[in-house]
Protein backbone atom coordinates (compact mmCIF):
# COMPACT_ATOMS: atom_id res chain seq x y z
CA MET A 1 -8.36 -14.86 -0.45
CA LEU A 2 -7.95 -11.39 1.05
CA PRO A 3 -4.43 -10.16 1.72
CA SER A 4 -3.44 -10.74 5.40
CA LEU A 5 -0.56 -10.97 7.80
CA GLN A 6 -0.21 -13.23 10.77
CA VAL A 7 1.72 -11.74 13.66
CA GLY A 8 1.62 -13.96 16.73
CA PRO A 9 -2.04 -14.44 17.69
CA PHE A 10 -3.18 -11.59 15.42
CA THR A 11 -4.45 -11.79 11.85
CA VAL A 12 -4.38 -8.42 10.09
CA THR A 13 -6.57 -8.43 6.94
CA ALA A 14 -6.73 -5.70 4.29
CA LEU A 15 -10.30 -4.77 3.37
CA THR A 16 -10.74 -2.98 0.05
CA ASP A 17 -13.32 -0.24 -0.18
CA ALA A 18 -12.51 1.37 -3.52
CA ALA A 19 -9.79 2.73 -5.80
CA GLY A 20 -9.64 5.87 -7.81
CA PRO A 21 -7.78 9.12 -8.66
CA PHE A 22 -6.97 11.88 -6.22
CA PHE A 23 -8.59 15.22 -6.68
CA SER A 24 -5.30 17.05 -7.14
CA SER A 25 -2.11 16.22 -8.98
CA ARG A 26 0.67 14.55 -7.10
CA SER A 27 3.01 17.44 -7.89
CA GLU A 28 0.56 19.72 -6.01
CA ALA A 29 0.28 17.19 -3.17
CA PHE A 30 4.11 16.89 -2.81
CA PRO A 31 5.50 20.12 -4.22
CA ASP A 32 9.03 19.56 -2.89
CA ALA A 33 9.53 16.11 -4.43
CA THR A 34 12.27 15.91 -7.08
CA THR A 35 12.23 14.09 -10.42
CA GLU A 36 14.63 11.53 -8.98
CA GLN A 37 12.44 11.01 -5.93
CA TRP A 38 9.34 10.48 -8.12
CA ALA A 39 11.27 7.99 -10.28
CA ALA A 40 12.26 5.94 -7.20
CA ALA A 41 8.71 6.04 -5.82
CA ASP A 42 7.29 4.92 -9.13
CA ARG A 43 9.66 1.93 -9.17
CA LEU A 44 8.54 0.99 -5.67
CA ASP A 45 4.83 1.52 -6.30
CA PRO A 46 4.09 1.73 -9.99
CA GLY A 47 0.39 1.21 -9.48
CA ALA A 48 0.04 4.63 -7.83
CA LEU A 49 0.68 6.28 -11.23
CA ALA A 50 -2.34 6.06 -13.54
CA PRO A 51 -1.74 5.90 -17.33
CA ASP A 52 -2.92 9.51 -17.61
CA GLY A 53 -0.45 10.64 -15.00
CA ARG A 54 -2.86 11.05 -12.14
CA TRP A 55 -2.24 9.82 -8.66
CA TRP A 56 -4.24 6.59 -8.16
CA LEU A 57 -5.17 5.69 -4.60
CA GLN A 58 -6.48 2.66 -2.91
CA PHE A 59 -9.02 3.16 -0.12
CA ARG A 60 -8.84 0.46 2.57
CA ALA A 61 -9.69 -0.44 6.08
CA PHE A 62 -7.94 -3.18 8.13
CA ALA A 63 -9.42 -5.81 10.39
CA ILE A 64 -7.33 -7.15 13.25
CA ARG A 65 -8.57 -10.46 14.64
CA SER A 66 -7.51 -12.57 17.57
CA ASP A 67 -9.23 -14.73 20.14
CA ARG A 68 -9.98 -11.54 22.04
CA GLY A 69 -12.17 -10.01 19.31
CA VAL A 70 -12.24 -7.94 16.10
CA THR A 71 -10.78 -4.47 15.75
CA LEU A 72 -11.44 -2.43 12.59
CA VAL A 73 -9.03 0.40 11.71
CA ASP A 74 -10.85 3.06 9.70
CA ALA A 75 -14.15 2.91 7.94
CA GLY A 76 -13.38 3.74 4.31
CA ILE A 77 -15.14 6.16 1.90
CA GLY A 78 -18.64 4.86 2.57
CA PRO A 79 -21.84 4.50 0.65
CA ALA A 80 -23.05 6.59 -2.31
CA ASP A 81 -24.42 9.26 0.07
CA GLY A 82 -21.42 9.17 2.35
CA PRO A 83 -19.33 12.18 3.36
CA ALA A 84 -16.68 11.51 0.76
CA ALA A 85 -19.12 11.47 -2.17
CA SER A 86 -18.01 14.86 -3.46
CA TRP A 87 -14.53 13.62 -4.39
CA ALA A 88 -13.93 9.90 -3.73
CA PRO A 89 -15.14 6.92 -5.85
CA VAL A 90 -18.27 6.02 -3.91
CA PRO A 91 -20.01 3.73 -3.26
CA GLY A 92 -17.41 1.72 -1.45
CA GLU A 93 -17.44 -2.06 -1.11
CA LEU A 94 -16.29 -2.40 2.52
CA PRO A 95 -19.37 -4.45 3.48
CA ALA A 96 -18.65 -6.97 0.71
CA SER A 97 -14.99 -7.07 1.80
CA LEU A 98 -16.07 -7.76 5.38
CA ALA A 99 -18.30 -10.58 4.18
CA ALA A 100 -15.45 -12.05 2.13
CA ALA A 101 -13.36 -12.03 5.29
CA GLY A 102 -16.15 -13.75 7.23
CA ILE A 103 -16.73 -10.76 9.48
CA GLU A 104 -20.27 -9.62 10.35
CA PRO A 105 -20.53 -5.91 11.26
CA SER A 106 -22.00 -7.01 14.58
CA ALA A 107 -18.85 -8.94 15.36
CA VAL A 108 -16.64 -5.87 15.34
CA ASP A 109 -16.10 -4.75 18.90
CA THR A 110 -13.72 -1.87 18.31
CA VAL A 111 -13.42 0.65 15.54
CA VAL A 112 -10.35 2.89 15.55
CA LEU A 113 -10.88 6.02 13.44
CA THR A 114 -7.32 7.22 12.63
CA HIS A 115 -8.65 10.71 11.85
CA LEU A 116 -11.70 12.64 10.67
CA HIS A 117 -11.04 12.90 6.91
CA THR A 118 -14.04 11.73 4.94
CA ASP A 119 -12.32 8.78 3.25
CA HIS A 120 -11.62 7.25 6.61
CA VAL A 121 -15.07 7.50 8.32
CA GLY A 122 -17.49 6.70 5.49
CA TRP A 123 -18.98 3.48 6.92
CA ALA A 124 -18.80 4.56 10.58
CA VAL A 125 -22.35 5.84 10.52
CA VAL A 126 -24.98 5.11 7.89
CA GLY A 127 -28.70 5.74 7.36
CA GLY A 128 -28.88 9.43 6.47
CA ALA A 129 -31.64 11.10 8.57
CA ARG A 130 -31.91 7.86 10.56
CA ALA A 131 -28.22 7.72 11.27
CA ARG A 132 -26.93 4.73 13.12
CA PRO A 133 -23.52 3.12 13.72
CA PHE A 134 -22.80 0.60 10.96
CA PHE A 135 -20.99 -1.53 13.51
CA PRO A 136 -23.71 -1.73 16.18
CA ASN A 137 -21.74 -3.45 18.93
CA ALA A 138 -18.44 -1.55 18.47
CA GLU A 139 -16.81 1.08 20.61
CA TYR A 140 -15.51 3.83 18.30
CA LEU A 141 -12.14 5.27 19.32
CA LEU A 142 -10.98 8.80 18.47
CA GLN A 143 -8.28 11.04 19.87
CA ARG A 144 -9.74 13.91 21.99
CA ALA A 145 -7.38 16.30 20.08
CA GLU A 146 -9.05 15.23 16.81
CA LEU A 147 -12.55 15.96 18.09
CA ASP A 148 -11.35 19.31 19.46
CA ALA A 149 -10.15 20.25 15.95
CA ILE A 150 -13.25 19.08 14.07
CA GLU A 151 -14.33 22.59 13.13
CA ASP A 152 -11.06 23.01 11.22
CA ILE A 153 -11.07 19.47 9.81
CA ASN A 154 -14.68 19.05 8.65
CA PRO A 155 -17.50 20.60 10.76
CA HIS A 156 -20.13 18.62 8.92
CA LEU A 157 -18.84 15.40 10.52
CA ARG A 158 -20.05 16.59 13.89
CA SER A 159 -23.73 15.99 12.98
CA GLY A 160 -23.05 13.25 10.49
CA VAL A 161 -20.70 11.04 12.52
CA ILE A 162 -19.86 12.27 16.00
CA ASP A 163 -23.40 13.10 17.31
CA PRO A 164 -24.88 9.69 16.26
CA LEU A 165 -21.98 7.91 17.93
CA ARG A 166 -22.45 9.88 21.08
CA GLU A 167 -26.19 9.48 21.15
CA THR A 168 -25.79 5.69 21.00
CA GLY A 169 -23.02 5.75 23.57
CA ARG A 170 -20.53 4.36 21.13
CA LEU A 171 -17.82 7.06 21.09
CA ARG A 172 -14.78 6.86 23.37
CA LEU A 173 -12.20 9.63 23.34
CA LEU A 174 -8.53 8.84 23.85
CA ASP A 175 -5.67 11.00 25.16
CA GLY A 176 -2.47 9.71 23.53
CA GLU A 177 -1.15 6.16 23.50
CA THR A 178 -3.69 3.63 24.66
CA PRO A 179 -3.70 -0.17 24.89
CA LEU A 180 -6.72 -1.89 23.39
CA ARG A 181 -8.75 -4.77 24.80
CA GLY A 182 -7.59 -7.00 21.97
CA GLY A 183 -3.87 -6.46 22.82
CA GLU A 184 -3.10 -3.90 20.16
CA ARG A 185 -1.85 -0.41 20.95
CA VAL A 186 -3.05 2.95 19.67
CA LEU A 187 -0.21 5.35 18.93
CA ALA A 188 -0.75 9.10 18.82
CA THR A 189 0.73 10.14 15.45
CA PRO A 190 -0.33 13.79 15.07
CA GLY A 191 0.53 16.09 12.18
CA HIS A 192 -1.61 14.99 9.27
CA THR A 193 -4.44 16.13 11.56
CA PRO A 194 -4.11 17.29 15.17
CA GLY A 195 -5.34 13.97 16.61
CA HIS A 196 -4.23 11.51 13.97
CA GLN A 197 -3.60 8.06 15.48
CA SER A 198 -2.25 4.74 14.23
CA VAL A 199 -2.45 1.18 15.54
CA LEU A 200 0.50 -1.01 16.42
CA VAL A 201 0.16 -4.84 16.44
CA SER A 202 3.09 -6.52 18.12
CA SER A 203 4.23 -10.00 18.92
CA ARG A 204 7.75 -10.37 20.36
CA ARG A 205 9.94 -8.49 17.92
CA GLU A 206 7.52 -8.34 15.03
CA HIS A 207 5.21 -5.44 14.43
CA VAL A 208 2.53 -4.28 12.06
CA ALA A 209 1.78 -0.56 12.05
CA VAL A 210 -1.63 0.29 10.61
CA THR A 211 -0.70 3.76 9.53
CA GLY A 212 -3.81 5.62 8.50
CA ASP A 213 -2.47 8.72 6.69
CA LEU A 214 0.86 8.74 8.52
CA LEU A 215 2.17 8.30 4.93
CA VAL A 216 0.01 8.45 1.87
CA HIS A 217 2.45 7.76 -0.99
CA ALA A 218 5.57 5.69 -1.53
CA VAL A 219 7.55 8.89 -1.94
CA GLN A 220 7.06 9.48 1.76
CA LEU A 221 8.22 5.96 2.60
CA LEU A 222 11.49 6.59 0.77
CA HIS A 223 11.73 10.19 1.93
CA PRO A 224 9.87 10.66 5.25
CA GLU A 225 10.97 14.26 5.33
CA LEU A 226 8.76 15.20 2.41
CA ALA A 227 5.72 17.18 3.42
CA TYR A 228 2.25 16.45 2.02
CA ALA A 229 0.21 19.45 1.14
CA HIS A 230 -2.77 18.24 3.14
CA GLU A 231 -0.87 17.82 6.41
CA GLN A 232 -2.04 20.36 8.97
CA ASP A 233 1.33 20.46 10.69
CA PRO A 234 4.07 19.13 8.36
CA ALA A 235 6.84 19.25 10.94
CA LEU A 236 4.81 17.31 13.45
CA ALA A 237 3.67 14.82 10.75
CA ARG A 238 7.32 14.21 9.80
CA ALA A 239 8.25 13.56 13.39
CA SER A 240 5.39 11.10 13.79
CA ARG A 241 6.30 9.34 10.55
CA GLU A 242 9.97 9.04 11.44
CA ARG A 243 9.14 7.79 14.93
CA VAL A 244 7.14 4.87 13.55
CA LEU A 245 9.62 4.13 10.81
CA ARG A 246 12.40 3.90 13.39
CA LEU A 247 10.89 0.62 14.64
CA ARG A 248 12.42 -1.01 11.56
CA ASN A 249 15.96 -0.33 12.80
CA ALA A 250 16.04 -3.14 15.33
CA GLU A 251 12.91 -5.15 14.78
CA ALA A 252 10.73 -6.55 11.98
CA LEU A 253 8.21 -3.99 10.83
CA HIS A 254 5.35 -4.27 8.37
CA LEU A 255 3.30 -1.22 7.35
CA ALA A 256 -0.42 -1.71 6.64
CA THR A 257 -1.36 1.31 4.51
CA PRO A 258 -4.78 2.41 3.23
CA HIS A 259 -3.63 4.24 0.05
CA LEU A 260 -0.55 2.52 -1.40
CA THR A 261 -1.10 -0.10 -4.11
CA GLU A 262 0.00 -3.02 -1.93
CA PRO A 263 -1.65 -3.18 1.44
CA PHE A 264 1.41 -4.53 3.30
CA ILE A 265 5.01 -3.38 3.04
CA ALA A 266 7.82 -5.20 4.85
CA LEU A 267 10.65 -2.95 5.99
C-alpha cells in the first residue's frame, strides 16, 4: 500500500522514484545551520542522515486523484539516460510506483512541474532522440517566469524537455496562482528558482501543500529562515516558505514533500 492522504474528495499519493545521497554535504547546503538546529532536525527526520554522515534524500512525485481526474506533481529523476543521471541515483522507479497505485501514464491529465531542476522533470519527456511526453494525454504546467529563466537554471532542458512538450502542444505556461481543472490550486512560490510553484489541495479547513523544493530538509521546516545554498533568491524563498507554513496557524495543514524521509508531515 502506497502512502496516501485523503482530503475531502482528493486522494494524494506519494510515488517513490529513488533514494540516494546528495552531491554536496549538508553543511555546505545549509552553511548557517547551528549544531543545535542540526540535532533537532535529526530528531525530526533521522532518515535524512546516512550512517556515513551524508545527506540522504528521497526523490518523489505525488499523484492527486479525484473524480475530476489525475494530477501529477513533478516527474522525478527519470530513466538511466535522464537529465539527472550525472548526480542522482538513476534509473528511477516512478513507472512502477504509478503501476502500484493503479495509474496508467495515459490516465494522467495534468502534470505540474514545480521547477526545472533535473530531479523534478526526469520522466516528463522520454525517448532520447525520439523524445515524447511520457504522459501522452497530460497538459504540462510550468510558470512563465521559470521558462524565462531556463538559461540560468539549465539550458539543456530547453531541447530535452521544453521543445518536445511545445511540439506536441502539451506545454501550458502559468502566470502566478492558478486554479486547476481538478479543483487543486497552483501557488507561485518563487525563490528556490524564479518560477518555482507548489500545489495546494484543500477541502474545507484541511489542506495539503505539495511543496516541491519550497523546503528540502527538516532543518528548514523547523527554521524556515535558513537559506539553502541552491536557492537562487534566498530572501524570496524564505518569504514563500513562510507564507505556506502560515496556513498551519488557523487550519489543518499537511506537507507533501519530495525529499524528506516521510512523504507527509502534519503540522
